[in-house]
């Protein structure tokens, strides 16, 4: 159920990115999709009753694999970096053209 809900959130985020006219709204939709993808990944590797991966507590079959959590922390950091870069570029575009509308910026680029 949680994976289906997160998949729906990913699709909503992708829809928002495709239909939004504003660059900031597209960046927010990108962040929504990213968070939902991370949720899907972490939920798919979770299982009940698993112990922390500390040597000596239980045998390896009952321990949680720490690699997916480490990868998702890395994905969160990369996502924050991409978001900050996208916001910086959108600020530069607003200062240069006075608008954050995708269509208007594409029309000015073609001229």
N, C-alpha and C. Protein backbone atom coordinates (compact mmCIF):
# COMPACT_ATOMS: atom_id res chain seq x y z
N UNK A 1 0.82 -1.19 0.00
CA UNK A 1 0.00 0.00 0.00
C UNK A 1 0.87 1.26 0.00
N UNK A 2 1.92 1.26 0.82
CA UNK A 2 2.78 2.43 0.90
C UNK A 2 3.55 2.64 -0.40
N UNK A 3 3.95 1.56 -1.03
CA UNK A 3 4.68 1.68 -2.30
C UNK A 3 3.75 2.21 -3.39
N UNK A 4 2.49 1.79 -3.39
CA UNK A 4 1.53 2.30 -4.37
C UNK A 4 1.27 3.79 -4.16
N UNK A 5 1.16 4.21 -2.90
CA UNK A 5 0.95 5.62 -2.60
C UNK A 5 2.17 6.45 -3.03
N UNK A 6 3.36 5.95 -2.74
CA UNK A 6 4.57 6.66 -3.15
C UNK A 6 4.69 6.72 -4.67
N UNK A 7 4.28 5.66 -5.36
CA UNK A 7 4.30 5.66 -6.82
C UNK A 7 3.33 6.71 -7.36
N UNK A 8 2.17 6.83 -6.73
CA UNK A 8 1.22 7.87 -7.14
C UNK A 8 1.81 9.26 -6.93
N UNK A 9 2.54 9.45 -5.83
CA UNK A 9 3.18 10.75 -5.57
C UNK A 9 4.25 11.04 -6.62
N UNK A 10 5.01 10.01 -7.02
CA UNK A 10 6.01 10.19 -8.09
C UNK A 10 5.32 10.65 -9.37
N UNK A 11 4.22 10.00 -9.72
CA UNK A 11 3.50 10.36 -10.94
C UNK A 11 2.92 11.77 -10.86
N UNK A 12 2.43 12.15 -9.69
CA UNK A 12 1.93 13.51 -9.50
C UNK A 12 3.06 14.52 -9.68
N UNK A 13 4.22 14.21 -9.13
CA UNK A 13 5.38 15.09 -9.30
C UNK A 13 5.80 15.21 -10.75
N UNK A 14 5.82 14.08 -11.48
CA UNK A 14 6.18 14.13 -12.90
C UNK A 14 5.15 14.92 -13.70
N UNK A 15 3.87 14.74 -13.36
CA UNK A 15 2.82 15.50 -14.04
C UNK A 15 3.01 17.00 -13.79
N UNK A 16 3.32 17.35 -12.54
CA UNK A 16 3.55 18.75 -12.22
C UNK A 16 4.74 19.33 -12.96
N UNK A 17 5.81 18.54 -13.10
CA UNK A 17 6.97 19.02 -13.85
C UNK A 17 6.63 19.25 -15.31
N UNK A 18 5.81 18.38 -15.88
CA UNK A 18 5.49 18.49 -17.31
C UNK A 18 4.49 19.60 -17.60
N UNK A 19 3.60 19.90 -16.69
CA UNK A 19 2.53 20.85 -16.97
C UNK A 19 2.76 22.23 -16.36
N UNK A 20 3.73 22.38 -15.50
CA UNK A 20 3.95 23.66 -14.84
C UNK A 20 4.57 24.67 -15.79
N UNK A 21 4.10 25.91 -15.71
CA UNK A 21 4.67 26.99 -16.52
C UNK A 21 5.81 27.69 -15.78
N UNK A 22 5.81 27.57 -14.47
CA UNK A 22 6.78 28.28 -13.64
C UNK A 22 7.96 27.37 -13.31
N UNK A 23 9.16 27.92 -13.38
CA UNK A 23 10.36 27.13 -13.12
C UNK A 23 10.41 26.68 -11.66
N UNK A 24 10.04 27.55 -10.73
CA UNK A 24 10.08 27.21 -9.30
C UNK A 24 9.12 26.06 -9.00
N UNK A 25 7.94 26.09 -9.60
CA UNK A 25 6.99 25.00 -9.40
C UNK A 25 7.54 23.69 -9.95
N UNK A 26 8.24 23.75 -11.06
CA UNK A 26 8.85 22.55 -11.63
C UNK A 26 9.92 21.99 -10.70
N UNK A 27 10.69 22.87 -10.06
CA UNK A 27 11.72 22.42 -9.12
C UNK A 27 11.07 21.77 -7.90
N UNK A 28 9.98 22.34 -7.41
CA UNK A 28 9.27 21.75 -6.27
C UNK A 28 8.72 20.37 -6.65
N UNK A 29 8.16 20.25 -7.84
CA UNK A 29 7.65 18.94 -8.29
C UNK A 29 8.77 17.93 -8.44
N UNK A 30 9.93 18.38 -8.88
CA UNK A 30 11.10 17.49 -8.95
C UNK A 30 11.47 16.98 -7.56
N UNK A 31 11.44 17.86 -6.56
CA UNK A 31 11.75 17.44 -5.19
C UNK A 31 10.71 16.47 -4.63
N UNK A 32 9.45 16.68 -4.98
CA UNK A 32 8.40 15.77 -4.54
C UNK A 32 8.63 14.38 -5.13
N UNK A 33 8.94 14.32 -6.41
CA UNK A 33 9.21 13.04 -7.06
C UNK A 33 10.43 12.36 -6.46
N UNK A 34 11.46 13.14 -6.20
CA UNK A 34 12.68 12.57 -5.62
C UNK A 34 12.42 11.96 -4.24
N UNK A 35 11.68 12.68 -3.41
CA UNK A 35 11.38 12.16 -2.07
C UNK A 35 10.55 10.88 -2.14
N UNK A 36 9.61 10.83 -3.06
CA UNK A 36 8.78 9.63 -3.21
C UNK A 36 9.59 8.45 -3.73
N UNK A 37 10.53 8.70 -4.62
CA UNK A 37 11.39 7.62 -5.13
C UNK A 37 12.26 7.07 -4.00
N UNK A 38 12.78 7.94 -3.16
CA UNK A 38 13.57 7.49 -2.01
C UNK A 38 12.70 6.66 -1.07
N UNK A 39 11.46 7.10 -0.85
CA UNK A 39 10.54 6.34 -0.01
C UNK A 39 10.26 4.96 -0.59
N UNK A 40 10.06 4.88 -1.90
CA UNK A 40 9.83 3.58 -2.55
C UNK A 40 11.02 2.66 -2.34
N UNK A 41 12.20 3.19 -2.56
CA UNK A 41 13.41 2.37 -2.43
C UNK A 41 13.59 1.88 -0.99
N UNK A 42 13.45 2.76 -0.01
CA UNK A 42 13.64 2.35 1.38
C UNK A 42 12.55 1.39 1.84
N UNK A 43 11.33 1.60 1.38
CA UNK A 43 10.24 0.71 1.79
C UNK A 43 10.41 -0.68 1.16
N UNK A 44 10.99 -0.75 -0.02
CA UNK A 44 11.14 -2.04 -0.68
C UNK A 44 12.22 -2.91 -0.03
N UNK A 45 13.18 -2.32 0.67
CA UNK A 45 14.23 -3.12 1.31
C UNK A 45 13.96 -3.33 2.80
N UNK A 46 12.85 -2.80 3.32
CA UNK A 46 12.52 -2.93 4.74
C UNK A 46 11.82 -4.27 4.99
N UNK A 47 12.14 -4.89 6.13
CA UNK A 47 11.39 -6.06 6.56
C UNK A 47 11.28 -6.06 8.08
N UNK A 48 10.17 -6.61 8.58
CA UNK A 48 9.87 -6.62 10.02
C UNK A 48 10.84 -7.48 10.80
N UNK A 49 11.16 -7.05 11.98
CA UNK A 49 11.93 -7.85 12.91
C UNK A 49 13.42 -7.88 12.66
N UNK A 50 13.92 -7.08 11.79
CA UNK A 50 15.36 -7.08 11.49
C UNK A 50 16.11 -6.27 12.55
N UNK A 51 17.32 -6.71 12.85
CA UNK A 51 18.15 -6.04 13.85
C UNK A 51 19.13 -5.09 13.18
N UNK A 52 19.71 -4.23 13.98
CA UNK A 52 20.75 -3.35 13.48
C UNK A 52 21.97 -4.17 13.11
N UNK A 53 22.71 -3.75 12.09
CA UNK A 53 23.86 -4.54 11.65
C UNK A 53 25.09 -4.33 12.53
N UNK A 54 25.01 -4.82 13.76
CA UNK A 54 26.13 -4.74 14.69
C UNK A 54 26.64 -6.15 14.92
N UNK A 55 27.94 -6.33 14.80
CA UNK A 55 28.53 -7.66 14.94
C UNK A 55 28.28 -8.20 16.34
N UNK A 56 27.81 -9.44 16.41
CA UNK A 56 27.61 -10.10 17.68
C UNK A 56 26.19 -10.10 18.17
N UNK A 57 25.28 -9.33 17.58
CA UNK A 57 23.91 -9.30 18.06
C UNK A 57 23.11 -10.51 17.58
N UNK A 58 23.03 -10.72 16.29
CA UNK A 58 22.30 -11.83 15.70
C UNK A 58 23.06 -12.31 14.49
N UNK A 59 22.60 -13.39 13.90
CA UNK A 59 23.28 -13.85 12.69
C UNK A 59 22.84 -13.00 11.49
N UNK A 60 23.60 -13.09 10.41
CA UNK A 60 23.47 -12.16 9.29
C UNK A 60 22.11 -12.19 8.60
N UNK A 61 21.38 -13.26 8.69
CA UNK A 61 20.09 -13.35 8.01
C UNK A 61 19.03 -12.45 8.61
N UNK A 62 19.18 -12.06 9.86
CA UNK A 62 18.17 -11.25 10.53
C UNK A 62 18.57 -9.78 10.64
N UNK A 63 19.66 -9.39 10.00
CA UNK A 63 20.11 -8.00 10.09
C UNK A 63 19.66 -7.19 8.88
N UNK A 64 19.47 -5.92 9.12
CA UNK A 64 19.12 -4.99 8.05
C UNK A 64 20.39 -4.66 7.27
N UNK A 65 20.27 -4.61 5.96
CA UNK A 65 21.40 -4.24 5.11
C UNK A 65 21.58 -2.72 5.19
N UNK A 66 22.74 -2.22 5.62
CA UNK A 66 22.93 -0.77 5.76
C UNK A 66 23.21 -0.06 4.44
N UNK A 67 23.50 -0.79 3.38
CA UNK A 67 23.85 -0.16 2.10
C UNK A 67 22.71 0.67 1.51
N UNK A 68 21.46 0.19 1.48
CA UNK A 68 20.39 1.04 0.91
C UNK A 68 20.21 2.36 1.66
N UNK A 69 20.33 2.34 2.99
CA UNK A 69 20.21 3.58 3.74
C UNK A 69 21.34 4.54 3.40
N UNK A 70 22.54 4.01 3.26
CA UNK A 70 23.68 4.87 2.89
C UNK A 70 23.50 5.45 1.50
N UNK A 71 23.00 4.64 0.57
CA UNK A 71 22.75 5.14 -0.78
C UNK A 71 21.67 6.22 -0.80
N UNK A 72 20.64 6.05 0.01
CA UNK A 72 19.57 7.04 0.03
C UNK A 72 20.02 8.34 0.70
N UNK A 73 20.89 8.25 1.70
CA UNK A 73 21.46 9.48 2.27
C UNK A 73 22.26 10.21 1.21
N UNK A 74 23.01 9.46 0.42
CA UNK A 74 23.76 10.07 -0.68
C UNK A 74 22.81 10.69 -1.70
N UNK A 75 21.71 10.01 -2.00
CA UNK A 75 20.72 10.55 -2.94
C UNK A 75 20.09 11.84 -2.41
N UNK A 76 19.85 11.91 -1.11
CA UNK A 76 19.29 13.12 -0.51
C UNK A 76 20.27 14.28 -0.65
N UNK A 77 21.55 14.02 -0.40
CA UNK A 77 22.56 15.08 -0.52
C UNK A 77 22.68 15.54 -1.97
N UNK A 78 22.70 14.61 -2.90
CA UNK A 78 22.78 14.97 -4.32
C UNK A 78 21.52 15.74 -4.74
N UNK A 79 20.37 15.33 -4.25
CA UNK A 79 19.13 16.04 -4.56
C UNK A 79 19.13 17.46 -4.03
N UNK A 80 19.67 17.65 -2.83
CA UNK A 80 19.77 19.01 -2.28
C UNK A 80 20.71 19.86 -3.13
N UNK A 81 21.78 19.26 -3.60
CA UNK A 81 22.73 20.00 -4.45
C UNK A 81 22.09 20.37 -5.79
N UNK A 82 21.37 19.44 -6.38
CA UNK A 82 20.69 19.72 -7.66
C UNK A 82 19.64 20.81 -7.47
N UNK A 83 18.91 20.75 -6.36
CA UNK A 83 17.90 21.76 -6.08
C UNK A 83 18.52 23.14 -5.92
N UNK A 84 19.61 23.22 -5.17
CA UNK A 84 20.25 24.52 -4.98
C UNK A 84 20.80 25.06 -6.30
N UNK A 85 21.35 24.20 -7.14
CA UNK A 85 21.84 24.63 -8.44
C UNK A 85 20.68 25.10 -9.33
N UNK A 86 19.57 24.37 -9.32
CA UNK A 86 18.41 24.76 -10.13
C UNK A 86 17.83 26.09 -9.65
N UNK A 87 17.78 26.29 -8.34
CA UNK A 87 17.28 27.56 -7.82
C UNK A 87 18.22 28.71 -8.17
N UNK A 88 19.52 28.47 -8.13
CA UNK A 88 20.48 29.50 -8.50
C UNK A 88 20.33 29.87 -9.97
N UNK A 89 20.16 28.88 -10.83
CA UNK A 89 19.97 29.15 -12.25
C UNK A 89 18.65 29.90 -12.48
N UNK A 90 17.60 29.54 -11.75
CA UNK A 90 16.33 30.24 -11.91
C UNK A 90 16.42 31.69 -11.45
N UNK A 91 17.20 31.95 -10.41
CA UNK A 91 17.42 33.34 -9.98
C UNK A 91 18.13 34.12 -11.07
N UNK A 92 19.15 33.51 -11.67
CA UNK A 92 19.87 34.18 -12.76
C UNK A 92 18.96 34.44 -13.96
N UNK A 93 18.09 33.47 -14.28
CA UNK A 93 17.14 33.67 -15.38
C UNK A 93 16.16 34.79 -15.07
N UNK A 94 15.69 34.86 -13.83
CA UNK A 94 14.76 35.92 -13.46
C UNK A 94 15.42 37.29 -13.55
N UNK A 95 16.67 37.39 -13.11
CA UNK A 95 17.38 38.66 -13.20
C UNK A 95 17.63 39.06 -14.65
N UNK A 96 17.89 38.08 -15.51
CA UNK A 96 18.19 38.39 -16.90
C UNK A 96 16.94 38.69 -17.73
N UNK A 97 15.85 37.94 -17.50
CA UNK A 97 14.67 38.07 -18.35
C UNK A 97 13.45 38.62 -17.64
N UNK A 98 13.46 38.70 -16.33
CA UNK A 98 12.32 39.25 -15.60
C UNK A 98 11.12 38.34 -15.48
N UNK A 99 11.30 37.06 -15.76
CA UNK A 99 10.19 36.12 -15.69
C UNK A 99 10.73 34.72 -15.40
N UNK A 100 9.85 33.89 -14.84
CA UNK A 100 10.18 32.49 -14.59
C UNK A 100 9.27 31.56 -15.38
N UNK A 101 8.61 32.09 -16.40
CA UNK A 101 7.72 31.31 -17.25
C UNK A 101 8.54 30.58 -18.31
N UNK A 102 8.40 29.23 -18.33
CA UNK A 102 9.15 28.43 -19.30
C UNK A 102 8.88 28.86 -20.74
N UNK A 103 7.60 29.04 -21.05
CA UNK A 103 7.22 29.33 -22.44
C UNK A 103 7.78 30.67 -22.90
N UNK A 104 7.71 31.67 -22.04
CA UNK A 104 8.24 32.98 -22.40
C UNK A 104 9.75 32.92 -22.61
N UNK A 105 10.43 32.17 -21.75
CA UNK A 105 11.89 32.05 -21.90
C UNK A 105 12.26 31.30 -23.18
N UNK A 106 11.49 30.29 -23.54
CA UNK A 106 11.76 29.56 -24.79
C UNK A 106 11.47 30.43 -26.01
N UNK A 107 10.43 31.27 -25.94
CA UNK A 107 10.15 32.19 -27.04
C UNK A 107 11.28 33.20 -27.21
N UNK A 108 11.80 33.72 -26.12
CA UNK A 108 12.90 34.68 -26.20
C UNK A 108 14.17 34.02 -26.71
N UNK A 109 14.35 32.76 -26.39
CA UNK A 109 15.54 32.04 -26.86
C UNK A 109 15.48 31.85 -28.37
N UNK A 110 14.30 31.58 -28.91
CA UNK A 110 14.15 31.35 -30.34
C UNK A 110 14.32 32.61 -31.17
N UNK A 111 14.08 33.78 -30.57
CA UNK A 111 14.18 35.04 -31.32
C UNK A 111 15.59 35.51 -31.48
